[in-house]
Amino acid sequence: MIGLYAMLGVSFFMSIMYPTQFSMALKGLGSKTKSGSAFLVMAIVGNVILPP
């Protein structure tokens, strides 16, 4: 039962990390914000198709 709670806790905290990392990666890009966000989304899709 402890493993189940640990897995739920890890999933919860990982879900909080994604928007934080996304916003920090786009901070200060200025006019290249659209390209930066597109690259981040493509990187996620690429990791689904070809995991590291």
Protein backbone atom coordinates (compact mmCIF):
# COMPACT_ATOMS: atom_id res chain seq x y z
CA MET A 1 0.00 0.00 0.00
CA ILE A 2 2.92 2.35 0.68
CA GLY A 3 4.12 1.83 -2.90
CA LEU A 4 0.77 2.98 -4.26
CA TYR A 5 0.86 6.15 -2.16
CA ALA A 6 4.45 6.80 -3.22
CA MET A 7 3.54 6.39 -6.89
CA LEU A 8 0.61 8.80 -6.54
CA GLY A 9 2.80 11.31 -4.73
CA VAL A 10 5.52 11.16 -7.38
CA SER A 11 2.95 11.60 -10.17
CA PHE A 12 1.47 14.60 -8.38
CA PHE A 13 4.80 16.36 -7.91
CA MET A 14 5.97 15.59 -11.45
CA SER A 15 2.78 17.17 -12.81
CA ILE A 16 3.65 20.37 -10.96
CA MET A 17 7.19 20.39 -12.36
CA TYR A 18 6.23 20.42 -16.07
CA PRO A 19 4.57 23.87 -16.21
CA THR A 20 7.36 25.29 -14.06
CA GLN A 21 10.06 23.96 -16.39
CA PHE A 22 8.10 25.08 -19.47
CA SER A 23 7.74 28.66 -18.21
CA MET A 24 11.37 28.83 -17.07
CA ALA A 25 12.58 27.61 -20.47
CA LEU A 26 10.58 30.31 -22.28
CA LYS A 27 11.60 33.11 -19.92
CA GLY A 28 13.59 35.81 -21.68
CA LEU A 29 13.20 34.52 -25.26
CA GLY A 30 11.41 37.65 -26.40
CA SER A 31 10.37 37.40 -30.04
CA LYS A 32 11.47 33.75 -30.23
CA THR A 33 8.95 32.55 -27.65
CA LYS A 34 6.74 30.85 -30.25
CA SER A 35 9.68 28.91 -31.69
CA GLY A 36 10.88 27.95 -28.23
CA SER A 37 7.49 26.62 -27.17
CA ALA A 38 7.16 24.68 -30.43
CA PHE A 39 10.58 23.11 -29.83
CA LEU A 40 9.64 22.07 -26.29
CA VAL A 41 6.42 20.43 -27.49
CA MET A 42 8.26 18.65 -30.33
CA ALA A 43 10.85 17.39 -27.84
CA ILE A 44 8.10 15.81 -25.76
CA VAL A 45 6.58 14.13 -28.81
CA GLY A 46 10.03 12.98 -29.90
CA ASN A 47 10.62 11.35 -26.53
CA VAL A 48 7.36 9.45 -26.90
CA ILE A 49 8.39 8.08 -30.30
CA LEU A 50 12.11 7.55 -29.56
CA PRO A 51 12.75 7.33 -25.81
CA PRO A 52 16.32 8.02 -24.65
